[in-house]
Amino acid sequence: MHQNLTFFSTCLSPLRNIKHHPSTNPERNLRILKVLENKSPCNFLVFGLGHDSLMWTALNHGGRTVFLEEDKSWIQQIQRQIPSLESYHVVYDTKVTQADELLEISTKEECKAVGDPRFSKCPLALKGLPNEVYDIEWDLIMVDAPTGYFDGAPGRMSAIYTAGLMARNREMVRLMCSCMMLIEWWRTNSQRHCCVKVT
């Protein structure tokens, strides 16, 4: 028990100092930390691999943290530095320029059905993830990727939709969108952070 407390307070040090790191959002990180504190150790799925990935893995000590990343070269770079991080490459076939069309698609009947994303008829469902990503019962899912700040970027609609399906397939899971608010982001590109509980 004492060893776990020491480990956890060691992990908290970087989080307390993270507000001084220019590439992170300390307010967002503290909100996520509160959720993770209540769930850890748990199965934690993160869309996105970043400079904070080691921190999320460490804070989920004893649990399983998996990262899904669009940029293969970034995965290789991170794996050279931190080989213990579990990450998988994801290919997205959406573009930010399709925002209106994707919003329209999301209202169709095939996108309202709740089930395994692999068998969904909704074009927003990500079907090419490793099987274990679909098979694991995730306790916590965070959407912090893919890229969405320029027209050719995939945007986060498929990630949010797929995460929502995975969350709804569980009796109780938390889905956190560390991302732009879905409709406003797709229409205006204004950054909004959200945290959504899906039951």
N, C-alpha and C. Protein backbone atom coordinates (compact mmCIF):
# COMPACT_ATOMS: atom_id res chain seq x y z
N MET A 1 0.84 -1.21 0.00
CA MET A 1 0.00 0.00 0.00
C MET A 1 0.87 1.26 0.00
N HIS A 2 1.88 1.29 0.90
CA HIS A 2 2.76 2.45 0.99
C HIS A 2 3.48 2.70 -0.34
N GLN A 3 3.90 1.58 -0.99
CA GLN A 3 4.60 1.70 -2.26
C GLN A 3 3.71 2.35 -3.31
N ASN A 4 2.41 1.98 -3.36
CA ASN A 4 1.48 2.57 -4.32
C ASN A 4 1.29 4.06 -4.07
N LEU A 5 1.21 4.46 -2.79
CA LEU A 5 1.04 5.88 -2.46
C LEU A 5 2.27 6.68 -2.90
N THR A 6 3.46 6.10 -2.68
CA THR A 6 4.69 6.78 -3.10
C THR A 6 4.71 6.93 -4.60
N PHE A 7 4.34 5.85 -5.31
CA PHE A 7 4.32 5.89 -6.77
C PHE A 7 3.34 6.96 -7.24
N PHE A 8 2.13 6.98 -6.62
CA PHE A 8 1.11 7.92 -7.06
C PHE A 8 1.54 9.36 -6.80
N SER A 9 2.15 9.64 -5.65
CA SER A 9 2.55 11.03 -5.40
C SER A 9 3.72 11.42 -6.29
N THR A 10 4.55 10.47 -6.71
CA THR A 10 5.61 10.77 -7.68
C THR A 10 4.98 11.17 -9.01
N CYS A 11 3.90 10.48 -9.37
CA CYS A 11 3.21 10.79 -10.63
C CYS A 11 2.52 12.14 -10.56
N LEU A 12 2.05 12.51 -9.39
CA LEU A 12 1.33 13.78 -9.26
C LEU A 12 2.25 14.99 -9.43
N SER A 13 3.53 14.84 -9.09
CA SER A 13 4.46 15.96 -9.22
C SER A 13 4.47 16.55 -10.62
N PRO A 14 4.63 15.72 -11.67
CA PRO A 14 4.62 16.33 -13.00
C PRO A 14 3.29 16.97 -13.32
N LEU A 15 2.20 16.41 -12.80
CA LEU A 15 0.90 16.98 -13.10
C LEU A 15 0.75 18.35 -12.45
N ARG A 16 1.24 18.49 -11.23
CA ARG A 16 1.16 19.79 -10.56
C ARG A 16 1.99 20.84 -11.31
N ASN A 17 3.09 20.39 -11.92
CA ASN A 17 3.96 21.32 -12.64
C ASN A 17 3.55 21.50 -14.09
N ILE A 18 2.58 20.73 -14.55
CA ILE A 18 2.25 20.73 -15.97
C ILE A 18 1.64 22.06 -16.43
N LYS A 19 1.12 22.83 -15.50
CA LYS A 19 0.54 24.12 -15.89
C LYS A 19 1.58 25.04 -16.50
N HIS A 20 2.85 24.77 -16.24
CA HIS A 20 3.91 25.61 -16.79
C HIS A 20 4.39 25.10 -18.15
N HIS A 21 3.89 23.94 -18.58
CA HIS A 21 4.30 23.36 -19.86
C HIS A 21 3.45 23.97 -20.97
N PRO A 22 4.07 24.61 -21.99
CA PRO A 22 3.32 25.35 -23.01
C PRO A 22 2.43 24.49 -23.90
N SER A 23 2.70 23.17 -24.01
CA SER A 23 1.93 22.37 -24.95
C SER A 23 0.74 21.66 -24.31
N THR A 24 0.44 21.96 -23.07
CA THR A 24 -0.67 21.26 -22.41
C THR A 24 -1.71 22.23 -21.89
N ASN A 25 -2.85 21.69 -21.56
CA ASN A 25 -3.95 22.46 -21.00
C ASN A 25 -4.13 22.00 -19.55
N PRO A 26 -3.60 22.74 -18.57
CA PRO A 26 -3.63 22.27 -17.18
C PRO A 26 -5.03 22.09 -16.63
N GLU A 27 -5.96 22.96 -17.01
CA GLU A 27 -7.34 22.83 -16.52
C GLU A 27 -7.95 21.52 -16.99
N ARG A 28 -7.73 21.20 -18.27
CA ARG A 28 -8.22 19.94 -18.82
C ARG A 28 -7.57 18.77 -18.11
N ASN A 29 -6.25 18.83 -17.92
CA ASN A 29 -5.54 17.72 -17.27
C ASN A 29 -6.03 17.47 -15.86
N LEU A 30 -6.33 18.54 -15.13
CA LEU A 30 -6.82 18.36 -13.76
C LEU A 30 -8.21 17.73 -13.74
N ARG A 31 -9.06 18.09 -14.71
CA ARG A 31 -10.39 17.46 -14.80
C ARG A 31 -10.26 15.96 -15.09
N ILE A 32 -9.36 15.64 -16.02
CA ILE A 32 -9.16 14.23 -16.37
C ILE A 32 -8.55 13.49 -15.19
N LEU A 33 -7.62 14.12 -14.49
CA LEU A 33 -7.00 13.49 -13.33
C LEU A 33 -8.06 13.09 -12.30
N LYS A 34 -9.03 13.98 -12.05
CA LYS A 34 -10.07 13.68 -11.05
C LYS A 34 -10.85 12.43 -11.45
N VAL A 35 -11.17 12.32 -12.73
CA VAL A 35 -11.89 11.14 -13.21
C VAL A 35 -11.00 9.90 -13.09
N LEU A 36 -9.74 10.03 -13.50
CA LEU A 36 -8.81 8.91 -13.48
C LEU A 36 -8.53 8.45 -12.05
N GLU A 37 -8.47 9.38 -11.12
CA GLU A 37 -8.25 9.01 -9.71
C GLU A 37 -9.34 8.08 -9.21
N ASN A 38 -10.60 8.34 -9.63
CA ASN A 38 -11.73 7.52 -9.19
C ASN A 38 -11.80 6.18 -9.89
N LYS A 39 -11.22 6.07 -11.08
CA LYS A 39 -11.32 4.85 -11.88
C LYS A 39 -10.07 3.97 -11.79
N SER A 40 -8.92 4.55 -11.55
CA SER A 40 -7.65 3.83 -11.63
C SER A 40 -7.52 2.81 -10.49
N PRO A 41 -6.95 1.62 -10.77
CA PRO A 41 -6.48 1.14 -12.07
C PRO A 41 -7.68 0.71 -12.94
N CYS A 42 -7.58 1.00 -14.22
CA CYS A 42 -8.70 0.72 -15.11
C CYS A 42 -8.20 0.48 -16.52
N ASN A 43 -9.13 0.16 -17.41
CA ASN A 43 -8.84 0.08 -18.84
C ASN A 43 -9.14 1.46 -19.42
N PHE A 44 -8.09 2.13 -19.90
CA PHE A 44 -8.16 3.53 -20.32
C PHE A 44 -7.74 3.61 -21.80
N LEU A 45 -8.67 3.99 -22.67
CA LEU A 45 -8.39 4.14 -24.09
C LEU A 45 -8.27 5.62 -24.43
N VAL A 46 -7.19 5.98 -25.11
CA VAL A 46 -6.94 7.38 -25.45
C VAL A 46 -6.77 7.51 -26.96
N PHE A 47 -7.62 8.32 -27.59
CA PHE A 47 -7.43 8.66 -28.99
C PHE A 47 -6.41 9.79 -29.03
N GLY A 48 -5.19 9.48 -29.43
CA GLY A 48 -4.11 10.48 -29.48
C GLY A 48 -2.92 10.03 -28.65
N LEU A 49 -1.74 10.30 -29.16
CA LEU A 49 -0.49 9.98 -28.49
C LEU A 49 0.28 11.29 -28.40
N GLY A 50 0.57 11.74 -27.19
CA GLY A 50 1.19 13.06 -27.06
C GLY A 50 2.28 13.08 -26.00
N HIS A 51 2.72 14.29 -25.70
CA HIS A 51 3.76 14.47 -24.68
C HIS A 51 3.25 14.10 -23.30
N ASP A 52 1.93 14.07 -23.12
CA ASP A 52 1.36 13.73 -21.82
C ASP A 52 1.02 12.24 -21.68
N SER A 53 1.31 11.44 -22.70
CA SER A 53 0.92 10.02 -22.69
C SER A 53 1.57 9.23 -21.57
N LEU A 54 2.84 9.48 -21.31
CA LEU A 54 3.52 8.77 -20.22
C LEU A 54 2.85 9.11 -18.88
N MET A 55 2.44 10.37 -18.72
CA MET A 55 1.77 10.79 -17.49
C MET A 55 0.46 10.02 -17.31
N TRP A 56 -0.36 9.89 -18.39
CA TRP A 56 -1.63 9.18 -18.26
C TRP A 56 -1.39 7.71 -17.91
N THR A 57 -0.37 7.12 -18.53
CA THR A 57 -0.05 5.72 -18.24
C THR A 57 0.38 5.56 -16.78
N ALA A 58 1.24 6.46 -16.31
CA ALA A 58 1.73 6.38 -14.93
C ALA A 58 0.60 6.59 -13.93
N LEU A 59 -0.31 7.51 -14.23
CA LEU A 59 -1.42 7.78 -13.31
C LEU A 59 -2.43 6.63 -13.29
N ASN A 60 -2.39 5.78 -14.30
CA ASN A 60 -3.26 4.60 -14.34
C ASN A 60 -2.44 3.36 -13.96
N HIS A 61 -1.53 3.51 -13.03
CA HIS A 61 -0.65 2.44 -12.58
C HIS A 61 -1.45 1.20 -12.19
N GLY A 62 -1.07 0.07 -12.77
CA GLY A 62 -1.78 -1.18 -12.48
C GLY A 62 -2.92 -1.43 -13.45
N GLY A 63 -3.28 -0.42 -14.25
CA GLY A 63 -4.32 -0.59 -15.25
C GLY A 63 -3.70 -0.70 -16.63
N ARG A 64 -4.55 -0.69 -17.64
CA ARG A 64 -4.06 -0.76 -19.03
C ARG A 64 -4.43 0.53 -19.75
N THR A 65 -3.44 1.21 -20.30
CA THR A 65 -3.66 2.44 -21.05
C THR A 65 -3.20 2.21 -22.48
N VAL A 66 -4.11 2.43 -23.43
CA VAL A 66 -3.83 2.20 -24.84
C VAL A 66 -4.07 3.49 -25.60
N PHE A 67 -3.14 3.82 -26.51
CA PHE A 67 -3.22 5.04 -27.30
C PHE A 67 -3.44 4.70 -28.77
N LEU A 68 -4.34 5.46 -29.43
CA LEU A 68 -4.61 5.32 -30.85
C LEU A 68 -4.14 6.59 -31.54
N GLU A 69 -3.26 6.46 -32.52
CA GLU A 69 -2.60 7.63 -33.13
C GLU A 69 -2.64 7.54 -34.65
N GLU A 70 -2.87 8.68 -35.29
CA GLU A 70 -2.95 8.76 -36.75
C GLU A 70 -1.59 8.84 -37.45
N ASP A 71 -0.58 9.34 -36.75
CA ASP A 71 0.72 9.62 -37.36
C ASP A 71 1.71 8.49 -37.03
N LYS A 72 1.99 7.65 -38.04
CA LYS A 72 2.86 6.49 -37.84
C LYS A 72 4.27 6.89 -37.42
N SER A 73 4.80 7.96 -38.01
CA SER A 73 6.16 8.38 -37.67
C SER A 73 6.23 8.88 -36.22
N TRP A 74 5.15 9.51 -35.75
CA TRP A 74 5.10 9.98 -34.36
C TRP A 74 5.09 8.79 -33.40
N ILE A 75 4.34 7.74 -33.76
CA ILE A 75 4.31 6.52 -32.93
C ILE A 75 5.73 5.96 -32.83
N GLN A 76 6.42 5.87 -33.95
CA GLN A 76 7.78 5.32 -33.95
C GLN A 76 8.72 6.17 -33.10
N GLN A 77 8.58 7.49 -33.20
CA GLN A 77 9.42 8.39 -32.42
C GLN A 77 9.18 8.20 -30.91
N ILE A 78 7.91 8.14 -30.54
CA ILE A 78 7.58 7.95 -29.11
C ILE A 78 8.02 6.57 -28.63
N GLN A 79 7.83 5.54 -29.47
CA GLN A 79 8.22 4.18 -29.07
C GLN A 79 9.72 4.06 -28.86
N ARG A 80 10.50 4.82 -29.61
CA ARG A 80 11.96 4.81 -29.39
C ARG A 80 12.28 5.40 -28.02
N GLN A 81 11.55 6.44 -27.62
CA GLN A 81 11.80 7.09 -26.33
C GLN A 81 11.17 6.33 -25.17
N ILE A 82 9.95 5.82 -25.39
CA ILE A 82 9.21 5.15 -24.31
C ILE A 82 8.61 3.86 -24.87
N PRO A 83 9.41 2.80 -25.00
CA PRO A 83 8.93 1.57 -25.63
C PRO A 83 7.80 0.88 -24.88
N SER A 84 7.61 1.20 -23.62
CA SER A 84 6.57 0.52 -22.84
C SER A 84 5.15 1.02 -23.13
N LEU A 85 5.01 2.17 -23.81
CA LEU A 85 3.67 2.68 -24.12
C LEU A 85 3.01 1.80 -25.17
N GLU A 86 1.75 1.44 -24.95
CA GLU A 86 1.01 0.63 -25.91
C GLU A 86 0.24 1.56 -26.84
N SER A 87 0.61 1.53 -28.11
CA SER A 87 -0.05 2.41 -29.08
C SER A 87 -0.27 1.69 -30.40
N TYR A 88 -1.31 2.14 -31.11
CA TYR A 88 -1.67 1.54 -32.40
C TYR A 88 -1.94 2.65 -33.41
N HIS A 89 -1.60 2.36 -34.65
CA HIS A 89 -1.83 3.31 -35.73
C HIS A 89 -3.28 3.22 -36.20
N VAL A 90 -3.90 4.37 -36.45
CA VAL A 90 -5.28 4.44 -36.93
C VAL A 90 -5.31 5.23 -38.23
N VAL A 91 -6.06 4.73 -39.19
CA VAL A 91 -6.25 5.45 -40.45
C VAL A 91 -7.67 6.00 -40.46
N TYR A 92 -7.78 7.30 -40.63
CA TYR A 92 -9.08 7.97 -40.70
C TYR A 92 -9.37 8.31 -42.16
N ASP A 93 -10.62 8.15 -42.58
CA ASP A 93 -10.95 8.48 -43.97
C ASP A 93 -11.90 9.67 -44.08
N THR A 94 -11.96 10.47 -43.03
CA THR A 94 -12.78 11.68 -43.05
C THR A 94 -11.87 12.90 -43.19
N LYS A 95 -12.46 14.01 -43.59
CA LYS A 95 -11.74 15.29 -43.68
C LYS A 95 -12.61 16.38 -43.06
N VAL A 96 -11.97 17.38 -42.49
CA VAL A 96 -12.69 18.49 -41.88
C VAL A 96 -13.62 19.16 -42.89
N THR A 97 -13.21 19.18 -44.15
CA THR A 97 -14.04 19.81 -45.19
C THR A 97 -15.37 19.08 -45.40
N GLN A 98 -15.50 17.86 -44.89
CA GLN A 98 -16.74 17.09 -45.02
C GLN A 98 -17.67 17.31 -43.83
N ALA A 99 -17.39 18.28 -43.01
CA ALA A 99 -18.12 18.46 -41.75
C ALA A 99 -19.64 18.45 -41.92
N ASP A 100 -20.17 19.26 -42.81
CA ASP A 100 -21.62 19.32 -42.98
C ASP A 100 -22.19 17.98 -43.43
N GLU A 101 -21.50 17.34 -44.36
CA GLU A 101 -21.95 16.04 -44.86
C GLU A 101 -21.93 14.99 -43.74
N LEU A 102 -20.87 15.00 -42.92
CA LEU A 102 -20.75 14.04 -41.83
C LEU A 102 -21.81 14.28 -40.77
N LEU A 103 -22.11 15.54 -40.49
CA LEU A 103 -23.18 15.84 -39.53
C LEU A 103 -24.52 15.32 -40.04
N GLU A 104 -24.75 15.46 -41.33
CA GLU A 104 -25.98 14.94 -41.94
C GLU A 104 -26.03 13.42 -41.85
N ILE A 105 -24.92 12.76 -42.16
CA ILE A 105 -24.83 11.30 -42.07
C ILE A 105 -25.12 10.83 -40.65
N SER A 106 -24.62 11.56 -39.66
CA SER A 106 -24.78 11.13 -38.26
C SER A 106 -26.24 11.08 -37.81
N THR A 107 -27.15 11.71 -38.56
CA THR A 107 -28.57 11.69 -38.17
C THR A 107 -29.33 10.53 -38.81
N LYS A 108 -28.69 9.78 -39.69
CA LYS A 108 -29.35 8.67 -40.38
C LYS A 108 -29.53 7.48 -39.44
N GLU A 109 -30.51 6.65 -39.75
CA GLU A 109 -30.86 5.51 -38.89
C GLU A 109 -29.68 4.59 -38.60
N GLU A 110 -28.86 4.31 -39.63
CA GLU A 110 -27.74 3.38 -39.42
C GLU A 110 -26.72 3.92 -38.43
N CYS A 111 -26.73 5.23 -38.21
CA CYS A 111 -25.80 5.82 -37.25
C CYS A 111 -26.41 5.95 -35.86
N LYS A 112 -27.69 5.66 -35.73
CA LYS A 112 -28.34 5.72 -34.42
C LYS A 112 -28.30 4.37 -33.71
N ALA A 113 -28.01 3.31 -34.47
CA ALA A 113 -27.97 1.96 -33.89
C ALA A 113 -26.73 1.83 -33.01
N VAL A 114 -26.91 1.24 -31.82
CA VAL A 114 -25.81 1.03 -30.89
C VAL A 114 -25.36 -0.42 -31.01
N GLY A 115 -24.06 -0.61 -31.22
CA GLY A 115 -23.52 -1.96 -31.35
C GLY A 115 -22.01 -1.90 -31.53
N ASP A 116 -21.44 -3.02 -31.89
CA ASP A 116 -20.01 -3.13 -32.12
C ASP A 116 -19.63 -2.30 -33.35
N PRO A 117 -18.70 -1.36 -33.21
CA PRO A 117 -18.33 -0.51 -34.36
C PRO A 117 -17.88 -1.31 -35.58
N ARG A 118 -17.29 -2.50 -35.37
CA ARG A 118 -16.82 -3.31 -36.50
C ARG A 118 -17.95 -3.69 -37.44
N PHE A 119 -19.17 -3.78 -36.90
CA PHE A 119 -20.29 -4.25 -37.71
C PHE A 119 -21.31 -3.14 -37.98
N SER A 120 -20.97 -1.93 -37.59
CA SER A 120 -21.87 -0.80 -37.80
C SER A 120 -21.96 -0.47 -39.29
N LYS A 121 -23.14 -0.07 -39.73
CA LYS A 121 -23.32 0.36 -41.11
C LYS A 121 -23.11 1.87 -41.26
N CYS A 122 -22.82 2.53 -40.15
CA CYS A 122 -22.60 3.98 -40.18
C CYS A 122 -21.19 4.26 -40.70
N PRO A 123 -21.06 5.13 -41.70
CA PRO A 123 -19.74 5.46 -42.25
C PRO A 123 -18.80 6.14 -41.24
N LEU A 124 -19.33 6.64 -40.14
CA LEU A 124 -18.50 7.29 -39.12
C LEU A 124 -17.77 6.29 -38.23
N ALA A 125 -18.23 5.04 -38.18
CA ALA A 125 -17.63 4.04 -37.30
C ALA A 125 -16.25 3.63 -37.81
N LEU A 126 -15.27 3.63 -36.91
CA LEU A 126 -13.92 3.16 -37.25
C LEU A 126 -13.92 1.64 -37.19
N LYS A 127 -13.67 1.01 -38.33
CA LYS A 127 -13.74 -0.45 -38.41
C LYS A 127 -12.36 -1.11 -38.51
N GLY A 128 -11.30 -0.32 -38.63
CA GLY A 128 -9.97 -0.88 -38.86
C GLY A 128 -9.06 -0.91 -37.66
N LEU A 129 -9.60 -0.78 -36.45
CA LEU A 129 -8.76 -0.83 -35.25
C LEU A 129 -8.40 -2.28 -34.95
N PRO A 130 -7.33 -2.52 -34.19
CA PRO A 130 -7.02 -3.90 -33.79
C PRO A 130 -8.21 -4.50 -33.02
N ASN A 131 -8.46 -5.80 -33.22
CA ASN A 131 -9.61 -6.45 -32.57
C ASN A 131 -9.65 -6.24 -31.07
N GLU A 132 -8.48 -6.28 -30.43
CA GLU A 132 -8.49 -6.16 -28.97
C GLU A 132 -9.02 -4.79 -28.51
N VAL A 133 -8.87 -3.77 -29.34
CA VAL A 133 -9.41 -2.45 -28.97
C VAL A 133 -10.94 -2.54 -28.87
N TYR A 134 -11.56 -3.31 -29.76
CA TYR A 134 -13.02 -3.48 -29.70
C TYR A 134 -13.43 -4.44 -28.58
N ASP A 135 -12.58 -5.43 -28.30
CA ASP A 135 -12.96 -6.49 -27.36
C ASP A 135 -12.77 -6.12 -25.90
N ILE A 136 -11.85 -5.20 -25.61
CA ILE A 136 -11.60 -4.81 -24.21
C ILE A 136 -12.78 -4.00 -23.70
N GLU A 137 -13.16 -4.23 -22.46
CA GLU A 137 -14.20 -3.42 -21.83
C GLU A 137 -13.53 -2.19 -21.22
N TRP A 138 -13.64 -1.07 -21.89
CA TRP A 138 -12.98 0.17 -21.46
C TRP A 138 -13.78 0.81 -20.33
N ASP A 139 -13.06 1.26 -19.31
CA ASP A 139 -13.69 1.98 -18.20
C ASP A 139 -13.69 3.48 -18.46
N LEU A 140 -12.73 3.92 -19.25
CA LEU A 140 -12.54 5.34 -19.50
C LEU A 140 -12.02 5.51 -20.93
N ILE A 141 -12.65 6.41 -21.68
CA ILE A 141 -12.21 6.69 -23.05
C ILE A 141 -12.03 8.20 -23.18
N MET A 142 -10.86 8.60 -23.67
CA MET A 142 -10.60 10.02 -23.87
C MET A 142 -10.34 10.27 -25.36
N VAL A 143 -11.05 11.22 -25.93
CA VAL A 143 -10.85 11.60 -27.33
C VAL A 143 -10.03 12.90 -27.35
N ASP A 144 -8.77 12.78 -27.74
CA ASP A 144 -7.86 13.92 -27.80
C ASP A 144 -7.18 13.97 -29.17
N ALA A 145 -7.76 13.29 -30.15
CA ALA A 145 -7.21 13.21 -31.51
C ALA A 145 -8.31 12.62 -32.39
N PRO A 146 -8.17 12.67 -33.69
CA PRO A 146 -7.00 13.08 -34.46
C PRO A 146 -6.96 14.59 -34.70
N THR A 147 -6.03 14.99 -35.55
CA THR A 147 -5.85 16.39 -35.91
C THR A 147 -7.13 16.95 -36.53
N GLY A 148 -7.42 18.21 -36.25
CA GLY A 148 -8.62 18.79 -36.82
C GLY A 148 -8.55 20.29 -37.07
N TYR A 149 -7.35 20.84 -37.13
CA TYR A 149 -7.24 22.31 -37.23
C TYR A 149 -6.97 22.83 -38.63
N PHE A 150 -6.98 21.96 -39.67
CA PHE A 150 -6.87 22.44 -41.05
C PHE A 150 -7.76 21.58 -41.94
N ASP A 151 -8.11 22.10 -43.10
CA ASP A 151 -9.11 21.46 -43.97
C ASP A 151 -8.80 20.02 -44.34
N GLY A 152 -7.55 19.67 -44.57
CA GLY A 152 -7.20 18.31 -44.97
C GLY A 152 -7.09 17.33 -43.82
N ALA A 153 -7.23 17.83 -42.59
CA ALA A 153 -7.13 16.96 -41.41
C ALA A 153 -8.37 16.10 -41.28
N PRO A 154 -8.27 14.95 -40.61
CA PRO A 154 -9.43 14.06 -40.49
C PRO A 154 -10.53 14.60 -39.57
N GLY A 155 -10.19 15.45 -38.62
CA GLY A 155 -11.20 15.88 -37.65
C GLY A 155 -11.53 14.74 -36.70
N ARG A 156 -12.34 15.02 -35.69
CA ARG A 156 -12.57 14.04 -34.62
C ARG A 156 -13.92 13.35 -34.66
N MET A 157 -14.68 13.58 -35.69
CA MET A 157 -16.04 13.06 -35.69
C MET A 157 -16.09 11.53 -35.62
N SER A 158 -15.24 10.84 -36.40
CA SER A 158 -15.21 9.37 -36.37
C SER A 158 -14.74 8.86 -35.01
N ALA A 159 -13.73 9.53 -34.46
CA ALA A 159 -13.22 9.12 -33.14
C ALA A 159 -14.29 9.28 -32.07
N ILE A 160 -14.99 10.41 -32.08
CA ILE A 160 -16.04 10.66 -31.09
C ILE A 160 -17.19 9.67 -31.27
N TYR A 161 -17.58 9.44 -32.52
CA TYR A 161 -18.68 8.51 -32.78
C TYR A 161 -18.32 7.09 -32.31
N THR A 162 -17.11 6.63 -32.68
CA THR A 162 -16.68 5.28 -32.31
C THR A 162 -16.53 5.14 -30.80
N ALA A 163 -15.95 6.16 -30.17
CA ALA A 163 -15.82 6.14 -28.71
C ALA A 163 -17.20 6.08 -28.05
N GLY A 164 -18.15 6.82 -28.62
CA GLY A 164 -19.52 6.79 -28.09
C GLY A 164 -20.14 5.40 -28.20
N LEU A 165 -19.91 4.72 -29.33
CA LEU A 165 -20.42 3.35 -29.48
C LEU A 165 -19.80 2.42 -28.45
N MET A 166 -18.49 2.53 -28.29
CA MET A 166 -17.80 1.67 -27.32
C MET A 166 -18.31 1.94 -25.90
N ALA A 167 -18.53 3.21 -25.59
CA ALA A 167 -19.02 3.57 -24.26
C ALA A 167 -20.44 3.04 -24.03
N ARG A 168 -21.29 3.16 -25.01
CA ARG A 168 -22.68 2.73 -24.85
C ARG A 168 -22.82 1.21 -24.80
N ASN A 169 -21.80 0.49 -25.27
CA ASN A 169 -21.83 -0.96 -25.20
C ASN A 169 -21.48 -1.47 -23.81
N ARG A 170 -21.08 -0.57 -22.91
CA ARG A 170 -20.75 -0.93 -21.54
C ARG A 170 -21.85 -0.47 -20.62
N GLU A 171 -21.97 -1.14 -19.48
CA GLU A 171 -22.97 -0.74 -18.50
C GLU A 171 -22.64 0.63 -17.92
N MET A 172 -21.36 0.86 -17.62
CA MET A 172 -20.95 2.14 -17.05
C MET A 172 -19.54 2.47 -17.53
N VAL A 173 -19.41 3.54 -18.24
CA VAL A 173 -18.09 3.96 -18.72
C VAL A 173 -18.11 5.48 -18.80
N ARG A 174 -16.96 6.07 -18.70
CA ARG A 174 -16.87 7.52 -18.86
C ARG A 174 -16.20 7.84 -20.16
N LEU A 175 -16.80 8.71 -20.91
CA LEU A 175 -16.25 9.16 -22.19
C LEU A 175 -15.90 10.63 -22.03
N MET A 176 -14.63 10.96 -22.22
CA MET A 176 -14.20 12.35 -22.09
C MET A 176 -13.73 12.85 -23.44
N CYS A 177 -14.26 13.98 -23.83
CA CYS A 177 -13.83 14.59 -25.08
C CYS A 177 -12.93 15.77 -24.75
N SER A 178 -11.65 15.54 -24.87
CA SER A 178 -10.70 16.63 -24.69
C SER A 178 -10.52 17.22 -26.07
N CYS A 179 -11.57 17.83 -26.53
CA CYS A 179 -11.61 18.19 -27.95
C CYS A 179 -12.56 19.35 -28.14
N MET A 180 -12.81 19.67 -29.37
CA MET A 180 -13.73 20.73 -29.68
C MET A 180 -15.16 20.20 -29.55
N MET A 181 -16.05 21.05 -29.08
CA MET A 181 -17.45 20.64 -28.98
C MET A 181 -17.91 20.25 -30.38
N LEU A 182 -18.49 19.11 -30.50
CA LEU A 182 -18.71 18.47 -31.80
C LEU A 182 -19.29 19.38 -32.87
N ILE A 183 -20.49 19.89 -32.69
CA ILE A 183 -21.14 20.65 -33.76
C ILE A 183 -20.46 22.00 -33.96
N GLU A 184 -20.19 22.72 -32.88
CA GLU A 184 -19.58 24.04 -33.00
C GLU A 184 -18.20 23.95 -33.63
N TRP A 185 -17.46 22.92 -33.25
CA TRP A 185 -16.11 22.80 -33.80
C TRP A 185 -16.17 22.54 -35.29
N TRP A 186 -17.05 21.66 -35.69
CA TRP A 186 -17.13 21.33 -37.11
C TRP A 186 -17.61 22.53 -37.92
N ARG A 187 -18.39 23.38 -37.31
CA ARG A 187 -18.94 24.51 -38.06
C ARG A 187 -18.08 25.78 -37.93
N THR A 188 -17.47 26.01 -36.78
CA THR A 188 -16.79 27.28 -36.58
C THR A 188 -15.31 27.16 -36.26
N ASN A 189 -14.85 25.96 -35.97
CA ASN A 189 -13.46 25.71 -35.58
C ASN A 189 -13.07 26.41 -34.27
N SER A 190 -14.05 26.83 -33.49
CA SER A 190 -13.69 27.43 -32.20
C SER A 190 -13.44 26.30 -31.20
N GLN A 191 -12.34 26.41 -30.46
CA GLN A 191 -11.97 25.32 -29.57
C GLN A 191 -12.82 25.35 -28.31
N ARG A 192 -13.41 24.21 -28.03
CA ARG A 192 -14.19 24.03 -26.81
C ARG A 192 -13.78 22.70 -26.19
N HIS A 193 -13.62 22.67 -24.90
CA HIS A 193 -13.31 21.42 -24.22
C HIS A 193 -14.58 20.92 -23.55
N CYS A 194 -14.75 19.61 -23.58
CA CYS A 194 -15.96 19.06 -22.98
C CYS A 194 -15.63 17.79 -22.23
N CYS A 195 -16.43 17.46 -21.29
CA CYS A 195 -16.31 16.19 -20.57
C CYS A 195 -17.72 15.64 -20.46
N VAL A 196 -17.95 14.50 -21.09
CA VAL A 196 -19.29 13.95 -21.19
C VAL A 196 -19.34 12.62 -20.48
N LYS A 197 -20.32 12.41 -19.62
CA LYS A 197 -20.51 11.11 -18.99
C LYS A 197 -21.57 10.37 -19.78
N VAL A 198 -21.24 9.18 -20.23
CA VAL A 198 -22.17 8.38 -21.01
C VAL A 198 -22.54 7.18 -20.17
N THR A 199 -23.83 6.96 -19.93
CA THR A 199 -24.25 5.78 -19.17
C THR A 199 -25.19 4.95 -19.99
